[in-house]
Amino acid sequence: MFGSKKNIIPKIPYDPNTQRAVLKCSICNGEQVAGFKDKTTGKFTEVCLIRDEKELDKFMELYDLSSISKEY
């Protein structure tokens, strides 16, 4: 019952020509959120909460990313 819910990363549309992958990090509590930032408007689209390296690797594999930038 508890703990059986898997962390499933939703597949949202991602265009590397107009968006870039970003890991938004909180200075206060260390929370990290992966998503995409529009290159022209700066609008951030949140995809998922990242709690450990395994989830970050899963996110990067799902969207075929080799690197991700951090923003604080």
N, C-alpha and C. Protein backbone atom coordinates (compact mmCIF):
# COMPACT_ATOMS: atom_id res chain seq x y z
N MET A 1 0.83 -1.18 0.00
CA MET A 1 0.00 0.00 0.00
C MET A 1 0.88 1.25 0.00
N PHE A 2 1.66 1.47 1.05
CA PHE A 2 2.53 2.65 1.09
C PHE A 2 3.83 2.32 0.39
N GLY A 3 4.36 3.25 -0.34
CA GLY A 3 5.62 3.05 -1.03
C GLY A 3 5.50 2.29 -2.34
N SER A 4 4.30 1.88 -2.71
CA SER A 4 4.14 1.13 -3.95
C SER A 4 3.99 2.04 -5.16
N LYS A 5 3.76 3.33 -4.92
CA LYS A 5 3.62 4.28 -6.02
C LYS A 5 5.00 4.57 -6.62
N LYS A 6 5.16 4.31 -7.90
CA LYS A 6 6.43 4.54 -8.56
C LYS A 6 6.52 5.97 -9.04
N ASN A 7 7.73 6.50 -9.03
CA ASN A 7 7.95 7.86 -9.54
C ASN A 7 8.00 7.80 -11.06
N ILE A 8 6.92 8.16 -11.70
CA ILE A 8 6.82 8.11 -13.15
C ILE A 8 7.01 9.53 -13.69
N ILE A 9 7.98 9.68 -14.57
CA ILE A 9 8.25 10.98 -15.17
C ILE A 9 7.37 11.12 -16.41
N PRO A 10 6.50 12.16 -16.43
CA PRO A 10 5.64 12.34 -17.59
C PRO A 10 6.44 12.76 -18.82
N LYS A 11 6.06 12.26 -19.96
CA LYS A 11 6.73 12.63 -21.22
C LYS A 11 6.00 13.83 -21.81
N ILE A 12 6.62 15.00 -21.69
CA ILE A 12 6.02 16.20 -22.26
C ILE A 12 6.81 16.59 -23.51
N PRO A 13 6.22 17.33 -24.41
CA PRO A 13 6.93 17.73 -25.63
C PRO A 13 8.15 18.59 -25.28
N TYR A 14 9.28 18.28 -25.92
CA TYR A 14 10.52 19.00 -25.70
C TYR A 14 11.19 19.27 -27.04
N ASP A 15 11.42 20.54 -27.34
CA ASP A 15 12.08 20.93 -28.58
C ASP A 15 13.42 21.58 -28.24
N PRO A 16 14.53 20.87 -28.47
CA PRO A 16 15.84 21.43 -28.12
C PRO A 16 16.21 22.70 -28.89
N ASN A 17 15.51 22.99 -29.97
CA ASN A 17 15.77 24.22 -30.72
C ASN A 17 15.23 25.46 -30.02
N THR A 18 14.13 25.29 -29.28
CA THR A 18 13.51 26.43 -28.61
C THR A 18 13.58 26.35 -27.08
N GLN A 19 13.95 25.20 -26.54
CA GLN A 19 14.00 25.02 -25.09
C GLN A 19 15.35 24.44 -24.68
N ARG A 20 15.70 24.65 -23.40
CA ARG A 20 16.89 24.01 -22.87
C ARG A 20 16.53 23.34 -21.54
N ALA A 21 17.20 22.24 -21.26
CA ALA A 21 16.95 21.49 -20.03
C ALA A 21 17.57 22.24 -18.86
N VAL A 22 16.80 22.36 -17.77
CA VAL A 22 17.25 23.10 -16.60
C VAL A 22 16.90 22.32 -15.34
N LEU A 23 17.80 22.37 -14.37
CA LEU A 23 17.55 21.81 -13.05
C LEU A 23 17.48 22.99 -12.10
N LYS A 24 16.27 23.33 -11.65
CA LYS A 24 16.10 24.46 -10.74
C LYS A 24 16.36 23.96 -9.33
N CYS A 25 17.30 24.61 -8.65
CA CYS A 25 17.72 24.18 -7.32
C CYS A 25 17.42 25.28 -6.30
N SER A 26 16.86 24.87 -5.18
CA SER A 26 16.57 25.81 -4.10
C SER A 26 17.80 25.97 -3.22
N ILE A 27 18.16 27.21 -2.93
CA ILE A 27 19.30 27.47 -2.04
C ILE A 27 18.93 27.12 -0.60
N CYS A 28 17.67 27.33 -0.24
CA CYS A 28 17.24 27.13 1.14
C CYS A 28 17.19 25.66 1.57
N ASN A 29 16.50 24.84 0.81
CA ASN A 29 16.28 23.46 1.26
C ASN A 29 16.87 22.40 0.33
N GLY A 30 17.52 22.79 -0.74
CA GLY A 30 18.16 21.83 -1.63
C GLY A 30 17.24 21.12 -2.59
N GLU A 31 15.97 21.50 -2.62
CA GLU A 31 15.01 20.86 -3.53
C GLU A 31 15.42 21.12 -4.98
N GLN A 32 15.29 20.09 -5.82
CA GLN A 32 15.64 20.21 -7.23
C GLN A 32 14.44 19.81 -8.09
N VAL A 33 14.16 20.62 -9.10
CA VAL A 33 13.07 20.36 -10.02
C VAL A 33 13.63 20.40 -11.44
N ALA A 34 13.38 19.33 -12.19
CA ALA A 34 13.85 19.26 -13.58
C ALA A 34 12.74 19.75 -14.50
N GLY A 35 13.15 20.43 -15.55
CA GLY A 35 12.17 20.92 -16.52
C GLY A 35 12.86 21.57 -17.70
N PHE A 36 12.09 22.34 -18.43
CA PHE A 36 12.60 22.98 -19.63
C PHE A 36 12.29 24.47 -19.60
N LYS A 37 13.26 25.27 -20.04
CA LYS A 37 13.10 26.71 -20.07
C LYS A 37 13.13 27.18 -21.51
N ASP A 38 12.12 27.97 -21.88
CA ASP A 38 12.04 28.52 -23.21
C ASP A 38 13.17 29.52 -23.41
N LYS A 39 13.89 29.40 -24.50
CA LYS A 39 15.05 30.25 -24.75
C LYS A 39 14.68 31.72 -25.01
N THR A 40 13.49 31.96 -25.55
CA THR A 40 13.12 33.34 -25.88
C THR A 40 12.34 34.02 -24.76
N THR A 41 11.38 33.33 -24.17
CA THR A 41 10.55 33.95 -23.15
C THR A 41 11.06 33.73 -21.73
N GLY A 42 11.83 32.67 -21.51
CA GLY A 42 12.32 32.35 -20.17
C GLY A 42 11.31 31.59 -19.33
N LYS A 43 10.19 31.21 -19.93
CA LYS A 43 9.16 30.47 -19.20
C LYS A 43 9.67 29.07 -18.86
N PHE A 44 9.55 28.67 -17.59
CA PHE A 44 10.00 27.36 -17.13
C PHE A 44 8.82 26.40 -17.07
N THR A 45 8.98 25.23 -17.67
CA THR A 45 7.96 24.17 -17.63
C THR A 45 8.49 23.06 -16.74
N GLU A 46 7.86 22.89 -15.58
CA GLU A 46 8.27 21.88 -14.61
C GLU A 46 7.87 20.49 -15.09
N VAL A 47 8.79 19.53 -14.99
CA VAL A 47 8.50 18.15 -15.39
C VAL A 47 8.40 17.25 -14.17
N CYS A 48 9.42 17.27 -13.30
CA CYS A 48 9.38 16.39 -12.13
C CYS A 48 10.33 16.86 -11.04
N LEU A 49 10.07 16.39 -9.83
CA LEU A 49 10.93 16.63 -8.68
C LEU A 49 12.06 15.62 -8.73
N ILE A 50 13.28 16.08 -8.50
CA ILE A 50 14.44 15.20 -8.50
C ILE A 50 14.90 15.04 -7.05
N ARG A 51 14.83 13.80 -6.54
CA ARG A 51 15.22 13.54 -5.16
C ARG A 51 16.60 12.91 -5.02
N ASP A 52 17.09 12.29 -6.09
CA ASP A 52 18.42 11.67 -6.03
C ASP A 52 19.01 11.55 -7.43
N GLU A 53 20.24 11.10 -7.51
CA GLU A 53 20.95 10.97 -8.79
C GLU A 53 20.24 9.99 -9.73
N LYS A 54 19.65 8.96 -9.18
CA LYS A 54 18.96 7.95 -9.98
C LYS A 54 17.80 8.59 -10.76
N GLU A 55 17.03 9.45 -10.11
CA GLU A 55 15.92 10.13 -10.79
C GLU A 55 16.43 11.11 -11.83
N LEU A 56 17.55 11.78 -11.55
CA LEU A 56 18.13 12.70 -12.52
C LEU A 56 18.61 11.93 -13.75
N ASP A 57 19.25 10.80 -13.53
CA ASP A 57 19.70 9.97 -14.65
C ASP A 57 18.52 9.48 -15.48
N LYS A 58 17.43 9.12 -14.82
CA LYS A 58 16.22 8.65 -15.52
C LYS A 58 15.64 9.77 -16.38
N PHE A 59 15.59 10.99 -15.84
CA PHE A 59 15.08 12.15 -16.58
C PHE A 59 15.95 12.41 -17.81
N MET A 60 17.26 12.40 -17.61
CA MET A 60 18.17 12.68 -18.72
C MET A 60 18.12 11.59 -19.78
N GLU A 61 17.93 10.35 -19.38
CA GLU A 61 17.81 9.25 -20.33
C GLU A 61 16.50 9.35 -21.12
N LEU A 62 15.41 9.69 -20.44
CA LEU A 62 14.10 9.79 -21.07
C LEU A 62 14.10 10.84 -22.19
N TYR A 63 14.77 11.96 -21.95
CA TYR A 63 14.79 13.05 -22.93
C TYR A 63 16.08 13.08 -23.75
N ASP A 64 16.90 12.04 -23.63
CA ASP A 64 18.14 11.89 -24.40
C ASP A 64 19.04 13.12 -24.24
N LEU A 65 19.31 13.50 -22.98
CA LEU A 65 20.14 14.64 -22.66
C LEU A 65 21.52 14.19 -22.22
N SER A 66 22.54 14.93 -22.64
CA SER A 66 23.91 14.61 -22.21
C SER A 66 24.34 15.52 -21.06
N SER A 67 23.71 16.69 -20.96
CA SER A 67 24.03 17.61 -19.87
C SER A 67 22.79 18.43 -19.52
N ILE A 68 22.82 18.99 -18.33
CA ILE A 68 21.71 19.82 -17.85
C ILE A 68 22.30 20.97 -17.04
N SER A 69 21.78 22.16 -17.23
CA SER A 69 22.30 23.31 -16.49
C SER A 69 21.50 23.49 -15.20
N LYS A 70 22.17 24.04 -14.18
CA LYS A 70 21.51 24.31 -12.90
C LYS A 70 21.25 25.80 -12.77
N GLU A 71 20.10 26.10 -12.18
CA GLU A 71 19.76 27.50 -11.87
C GLU A 71 19.36 27.56 -10.42
N TYR A 72 19.78 28.62 -9.74
CA TYR A 72 19.46 28.78 -8.32
C TYR A 72 18.51 29.93 -8.11
